[in-house]
Amino acid sequence: MAPDGRPIGRLLTPAEVTHLKDVAALVAAFEGVGWLALVVLVLMVAAAAARRQRPPSARALALGGGAIVGAGALECSPSDRSISSTGCTSRSSRPITSGSSTIRNR
């Protein structure tokens, strides 16, 4: 549908439309988290500059980044999740809530 509500043809399948709506809900739910992370980053950089601290080494940044990526990989571990053509999905049916909408794992 076009923004004004009139149909514009069949570009996407209903499953793709549902998926895009789910993704849009997740992006909207985590937008605030991103802004909060940016504010925390700016405050941390300002505090470090005020104390004249040296920035972390490239090795420390790589290790920290690797730890974050590793934690994300563990979130999609084979023990309790399955990887399919639709991505990493939980085998349980517990809902993921985001704002005012609830998204069920398939």
C-alpha atoms as a PDB file:
ATOM      1  CA  MET A   1       0.000   0.000   0.000  1.00  0.00           C
ATOM      2  CA  ALA A   2       1.103   3.497  -0.732  1.00  0.00           C
ATOM      3  CA  PRO A   3       1.270   5.987   2.134  1.00  0.00           C
ATOM      4  CA  ASP A   4      -2.152   7.286   1.119  1.00  0.00           C
ATOM      5  CA  GLY A   5      -3.666   3.768   1.412  1.00  0.00           C
ATOM      6  CA  ARG A   6      -4.109   2.843  -2.246  1.00  0.00           C
ATOM      7  CA  PRO A   7      -2.619  -0.468  -3.484  1.00  0.00           C
ATOM      8  CA  ILE A   8       0.518  -0.193  -5.635  1.00  0.00           C
ATOM      9  CA  GLY A   9       0.719  -3.714  -6.966  1.00  0.00           C
ATOM     10  CA  ARG A  10       2.251  -6.920  -5.718  1.00  0.00           C
ATOM     11  CA  LEU A  11       5.930  -6.296  -5.060  1.00  0.00           C
ATOM     12  CA  LEU A  12       6.317  -8.397  -1.891  1.00  0.00           C
ATOM     13  CA  THR A  13       4.710 -11.604  -0.674  1.00  0.00           C
ATOM     14  CA  PRO A  14       2.559 -11.454   2.471  1.00  0.00           C
ATOM     15  CA  ALA A  15       5.292 -13.281   4.428  1.00  0.00           C
ATOM     16  CA  GLU A  16       7.851 -10.655   3.369  1.00  0.00           C
ATOM     17  CA  VAL A  17       5.495  -7.849   4.389  1.00  0.00           C
ATOM     18  CA  THR A  18       5.018  -9.479   7.801  1.00  0.00           C
ATOM     19  CA  HIS A  19       8.780  -9.870   8.179  1.00  0.00           C
ATOM     20  CA  LEU A  20       9.401  -6.224   7.304  1.00  0.00           C
ATOM     21  CA  LYS A  21       6.783  -5.124   9.837  1.00  0.00           C
ATOM     22  CA  ASP A  22       8.483  -7.282  12.501  1.00  0.00           C
ATOM     23  CA  VAL A  23      11.875  -5.783  11.657  1.00  0.00           C
ATOM     24  CA  ALA A  24      10.440  -2.261  11.762  1.00  0.00           C
ATOM     25  CA  ALA A  25       8.999  -2.943  15.230  1.00  0.00           C
ATOM     26  CA  LEU A  26      12.377  -4.207  16.487  1.00  0.00           C
ATOM     27  CA  VAL A  27      14.248  -1.253  15.014  1.00  0.00           C
ATOM     28  CA  ALA A  28      11.786   1.145  16.618  1.00  0.00           C
ATOM     29  CA  ALA A  29      12.097  -0.660  19.955  1.00  0.00           C
ATOM     30  CA  PHE A  30      15.896  -0.436  19.978  1.00  0.00           C
ATOM     31  CA  GLU A  31      16.212   3.107  18.634  1.00  0.00           C
ATOM     32  CA  GLY A  32      16.081   4.519  22.153  1.00  0.00           C
ATOM     33  CA  VAL A  33      18.797   2.103  23.260  1.00  0.00           C
ATOM     34  CA  GLY A  34      21.034   3.394  20.483  1.00  0.00           C
ATOM     35  CA  TRP A  35      20.527   7.018  21.519  1.00  0.00           C
ATOM     36  CA  LEU A  36      21.200   6.126  25.148  1.00  0.00           C
ATOM     37  CA  ALA A  37      24.407   4.323  24.150  1.00  0.00           C
ATOM     38  CA  LEU A  38      25.523   7.409  22.212  1.00  0.00           C
ATOM     39  CA  VAL A  39      24.923   9.667  25.231  1.00  0.00           C
ATOM     40  CA  VAL A  40      26.856   7.274  27.489  1.00  0.00           C
ATOM     41  CA  LEU A  41      29.720   7.169  24.981  1.00  0.00           C
ATOM     42  CA  VAL A  42      29.930  10.972  24.800  1.00  0.00           C
ATOM     43  CA  LEU A  43      29.881  11.226  28.609  1.00  0.00           C
ATOM     44  CA  MET A  44      32.604   8.597  28.946  1.00  0.00           C
ATOM     45  CA  VAL A  45      34.825  10.320  26.373  1.00  0.00           C
ATOM     46  CA  ALA A  46      34.279  13.674  28.095  1.00  0.00           C
ATOM     47  CA  ALA A  47      35.124  12.173  31.500  1.00  0.00           C
ATOM     48  CA  ALA A  48      38.268  10.528  30.116  1.00  0.00           C
ATOM     49  CA  ALA A  49      39.353  13.791  28.477  1.00  0.00           C
ATOM     50  CA  ALA A  50      38.750  15.711  31.711  1.00  0.00           C
ATOM     51  CA  ARG A  51      40.981  13.258  33.578  1.00  0.00           C
ATOM     52  CA  ARG A  52      43.527  13.301  30.737  1.00  0.00           C
ATOM     53  CA  GLN A  53      43.371   9.545  30.317  1.00  0.00           C
ATOM     54  CA  ARG A  54      45.016   7.926  27.319  1.00  0.00           C
ATOM     55  CA  PRO A  55      42.660   6.191  24.878  1.00  0.00           C
ATOM     56  CA  PRO A  56      42.674   2.364  24.918  1.00  0.00           C
ATOM     57  CA  SER A  57      45.136   0.524  22.701  1.00  0.00           C
ATOM     58  CA  ALA A  58      44.077  -1.110  19.446  1.00  0.00           C
ATOM     59  CA  ARG A  59      44.589  -4.512  21.117  1.00  0.00           C
ATOM     60  CA  ALA A  60      42.233  -3.631  23.980  1.00  0.00           C
ATOM     61  CA  LEU A  61      39.606  -2.371  21.540  1.00  0.00           C
ATOM     62  CA  ALA A  62      39.915  -5.566  19.459  1.00  0.00           C
ATOM     63  CA  LEU A  63      39.571  -7.769  22.541  1.00  0.00           C
ATOM     64  CA  GLY A  64      36.528  -5.833  23.754  1.00  0.00           C
ATOM     65  CA  GLY A  65      34.907  -5.955  20.326  1.00  0.00           C
ATOM     66  CA  GLY A  66      35.641  -9.676  20.064  1.00  0.00           C
ATOM     67  CA  ALA A  67      34.019 -10.268  23.441  1.00  0.00           C
ATOM     68  CA  ILE A  68      30.867  -8.446  22.334  1.00  0.00           C
ATOM     69  CA  VAL A  69      30.695 -10.378  19.058  1.00  0.00           C
ATOM     70  CA  GLY A  70      31.314 -13.635  20.936  1.00  0.00           C
ATOM     71  CA  ALA A  71      28.491 -12.883  23.356  1.00  0.00           C
ATOM     72  CA  GLY A  72      26.201 -12.225  20.396  1.00  0.00           C
ATOM     73  CA  ALA A  73      27.232 -15.524  18.808  1.00  0.00           C
ATOM     74  CA  LEU A  74      26.456 -17.364  22.045  1.00  0.00           C
ATOM     75  CA  GLU A  75      22.980 -15.838  21.990  1.00  0.00           C
ATOM     76  CA  CYS A  76      22.322 -17.875  18.836  1.00  0.00           C
ATOM     77  CA  SER A  77      23.892 -21.110  20.105  1.00  0.00           C
ATOM     78  CA  PRO A  78      22.674 -24.455  18.734  1.00  0.00           C
ATOM     79  CA  SER A  79      21.762 -25.732  22.203  1.00  0.00           C
ATOM     80  CA  ASP A  80      18.506 -23.801  22.532  1.00  0.00           C
ATOM     81  CA  ARG A  81      17.976 -22.216  19.142  1.00  0.00           C
ATOM     82  CA  SER A  82      17.712 -23.329  15.563  1.00  0.00           C
ATOM     83  CA  ILE A  83      19.115 -21.600  12.509  1.00  0.00           C
ATOM     84  CA  SER A  84      16.827 -21.716   9.506  1.00  0.00           C
ATOM     85  CA  SER A  85      16.325 -19.796   6.311  1.00  0.00           C
ATOM     86  CA  THR A  86      14.497 -17.165   8.371  1.00  0.00           C
ATOM     87  CA  GLY A  87      17.486 -16.636  10.705  1.00  0.00           C
ATOM     88  CA  CYS A  88      18.140 -17.534  14.311  1.00  0.00           C
ATOM     89  CA  THR A  89      14.875 -18.473  15.987  1.00  0.00           C
ATOM     90  CA  SER A  90      14.122 -19.745  19.457  1.00  0.00           C
ATOM     91  CA  ARG A  91      12.602 -23.189  19.805  1.00  0.00           C
ATOM     92  CA  SER A  92      10.409 -21.887  22.595  1.00  0.00           C
ATOM     93  CA  SER A  93       7.307 -19.870  21.889  1.00  0.00           C
ATOM     94  CA  ARG A  94       7.944 -17.128  24.421  1.00  0.00           C
ATOM     95  CA  PRO A  95       7.014 -13.734  23.008  1.00  0.00           C
ATOM     96  CA  ILE A  96       9.447 -10.924  22.333  1.00  0.00           C
ATOM     97  CA  THR A  97       7.827  -7.706  23.468  1.00  0.00           C
ATOM     98  CA  SER A  98       8.764  -4.390  21.955  1.00  0.00           C
ATOM     99  CA  GLY A  99       6.913  -1.303  23.048  1.00  0.00           C
ATOM    100  CA  SER A 100       3.221  -1.829  22.526  1.00  0.00           C
ATOM    101  CA  SER A 101       3.494  -4.833  20.189  1.00  0.00           C
ATOM    102  CA  THR A 102       4.286  -8.471  20.882  1.00  0.00           C
ATOM    103  CA  ILE A 103       6.208 -10.569  18.388  1.00  0.00           C
ATOM    104  CA  ARG A 104       6.037 -14.349  18.695  1.00  0.00           C
ATOM    105  CA  ASN A 105       9.046 -16.488  17.818  1.00  0.00           C
ATOM    106  CA  ARG A 106       8.225 -18.983  15.125  1.00  0.00           C
END
